[in-house]
Amino acid sequence: QNCLNHVNKPYFDACDGIFLNYWWNGDMILSSLKLAGTSRRFDVYVGVDVFARGVKYNAGTGCAVATSFLQNLGASAAIFAPGWVLECGSGKNKSVDEAKIEDSIFWSMLFKS
């Protein structure tokens, strides 16, 4: 499910949130937030794949394109595979202290205020 719709809305109503897939677009997110309503819009968690499989942004800090877009819409993000930094990215094969720094850089890039 790339969006909240009338088919999955009964399940959304019966639980505390929904985690959307990664292959969404702006129209899908806007319609999802509208259908969720003002009181539940932040319960729609929009999937962002840090490996960037099948999406229009790049892996790692390239996900900032998606998180910035979602932040501008006032949508919640569900980050899949944040361990990418240590497994494949700039923190791989680094000392613990260096890896922590790289991880902090990753998170600061995704959620700039």
Foldseek 3Di string as FASTA:
>chain_A
DQADDPVCVVVCVVDQADEHDAAHDPVRLVVRLVVLDPVRQQRYAYEQEQCQPPHDFHHQLSSLVVLVVCVVVVYHYDYPPLVCCCVPRDNDPHPPVVNVVSSVVRVCSNDPD
